[in-house]
Amino acid sequence: MHEYFHTKFGFCLWDAAALAVLAVMVVVLVVHVIRHKKRERDFEDELSEKMAEQSQTGGKS
């Protein structure tokens, strides 16, 4: 089976497993980047709200 797969498709089963791991890593990276951007926007919104609140109160804590 291994030699048939190797000669028919040009790569071995370990290459297929490595390709699957690479695909999972890419998906995890994309999800991480999307979630990070959302967190960053939320923090920026929170900061701008605090800055606006501070400017209205005259800069006092």
C-alpha atoms as a PDB file:
ATOM      1  CA  MET A   1       0.000   0.000   0.000  1.00  0.00           C
ATOM      2  CA  HIS A   2       2.738   2.454   0.968  1.00  0.00           C
ATOM      3  CA  GLU A   3       4.706   1.961  -2.254  1.00  0.00           C
ATOM      4  CA  TYR A   4       1.548   2.165  -4.367  1.00  0.00           C
ATOM      5  CA  PHE A   5       0.531   5.427  -2.708  1.00  0.00           C
ATOM      6  CA  HIS A   6       4.066   6.781  -2.984  1.00  0.00           C
ATOM      7  CA  THR A   7       4.502   5.956  -6.655  1.00  0.00           C
ATOM      8  CA  LYS A   8       0.938   6.867  -7.657  1.00  0.00           C
ATOM      9  CA  PHE A   9       0.719  10.280  -5.948  1.00  0.00           C
ATOM     10  CA  GLY A  10       4.387  11.174  -5.504  1.00  0.00           C
ATOM     11  CA  PHE A  11       4.446  11.565  -1.723  1.00  0.00           C
ATOM     12  CA  CYS A  12       4.211   9.303   1.287  1.00  0.00           C
ATOM     13  CA  LEU A  13       1.611   9.103   4.035  1.00  0.00           C
ATOM     14  CA  TRP A  14       3.829  11.073   6.427  1.00  0.00           C
ATOM     15  CA  ASP A  15       3.652  13.965   3.988  1.00  0.00           C
ATOM     16  CA  ALA A  16      -0.143  13.780   4.085  1.00  0.00           C
ATOM     17  CA  ALA A  17      -0.084  13.868   7.889  1.00  0.00           C
ATOM     18  CA  ALA A  18       2.300  16.835   7.864  1.00  0.00           C
ATOM     19  CA  LEU A  19       0.028  18.615   5.388  1.00  0.00           C
ATOM     20  CA  ALA A  20      -2.957  18.051   7.697  1.00  0.00           C
ATOM     21  CA  VAL A  21      -1.002  19.470  10.653  1.00  0.00           C
ATOM     22  CA  LEU A  22      -0.020  22.486   8.553  1.00  0.00           C
ATOM     23  CA  ALA A  23      -3.657  23.081   7.585  1.00  0.00           C
ATOM     24  CA  VAL A  24      -4.710  22.957  11.254  1.00  0.00           C
ATOM     25  CA  MET A  25      -1.938  25.396  12.195  1.00  0.00           C
ATOM     26  CA  VAL A  26      -3.040  27.846   9.493  1.00  0.00           C
ATOM     27  CA  VAL A  27      -6.654  27.677  10.712  1.00  0.00           C
ATOM     28  CA  VAL A  28      -5.560  28.282  14.318  1.00  0.00           C
ATOM     29  CA  LEU A  29      -3.423  31.241  13.216  1.00  0.00           C
ATOM     30  CA  VAL A  30      -6.299  32.815  11.273  1.00  0.00           C
ATOM     31  CA  VAL A  31      -8.679  32.401  14.227  1.00  0.00           C
ATOM     32  CA  HIS A  32      -6.074  33.876  16.573  1.00  0.00           C
ATOM     33  CA  VAL A  33      -5.532  36.935  14.357  1.00  0.00           C
ATOM     34  CA  ILE A  34      -9.275  37.566  14.019  1.00  0.00           C
ATOM     35  CA  ARG A  35      -9.872  37.258  17.762  1.00  0.00           C
ATOM     36  CA  HIS A  36      -6.860  39.467  18.522  1.00  0.00           C
ATOM     37  CA  LYS A  37      -8.142  42.225  16.234  1.00  0.00           C
ATOM     38  CA  LYS A  38     -11.537  42.078  17.953  1.00  0.00           C
ATOM     39  CA  ARG A  39      -9.924  42.333  21.402  1.00  0.00           C
ATOM     40  CA  GLU A  40      -7.794  45.234  20.202  1.00  0.00           C
ATOM     41  CA  ARG A  41     -10.855  47.118  18.907  1.00  0.00           C
ATOM     42  CA  ASP A  42     -12.672  46.497  22.186  1.00  0.00           C
ATOM     43  CA  PHE A  43      -9.725  47.833  24.189  1.00  0.00           C
ATOM     44  CA  GLU A  44      -9.459  50.897  21.933  1.00  0.00           C
ATOM     45  CA  ASP A  45     -13.184  51.597  22.366  1.00  0.00           C
ATOM     46  CA  GLU A  46     -12.868  51.238  26.131  1.00  0.00           C
ATOM     47  CA  LEU A  47      -9.862  53.560  26.172  1.00  0.00           C
ATOM     48  CA  SER A  48     -11.608  56.210  24.077  1.00  0.00           C
ATOM     49  CA  GLU A  49     -14.624  56.059  26.393  1.00  0.00           C
ATOM     50  CA  LYS A  50     -12.374  56.542  29.423  1.00  0.00           C
ATOM     51  CA  MET A  51     -10.529  59.412  27.734  1.00  0.00           C
ATOM     52  CA  ALA A  52     -13.810  61.129  26.826  1.00  0.00           C
ATOM     53  CA  GLU A  53     -15.065  60.661  30.389  1.00  0.00           C
ATOM     54  CA  GLN A  54     -11.816  62.071  31.759  1.00  0.00           C
ATOM     55  CA  SER A  55     -11.934  65.110  29.483  1.00  0.00           C
ATOM     56  CA  GLN A  56     -15.494  65.867  30.593  1.00  0.00           C
ATOM     57  CA  THR A  57     -14.576  65.724  34.281  1.00  0.00           C
ATOM     58  CA  GLY A  58     -11.595  67.997  33.810  1.00  0.00           C
ATOM     59  CA  GLY A  59      -8.885  65.325  33.956  1.00  0.00           C
ATOM     60  CA  LYS A  60      -9.460  64.373  37.570  1.00  0.00           C
ATOM     61  CA  SER A  61      -9.416  60.681  38.504  1.00  0.00           C
END
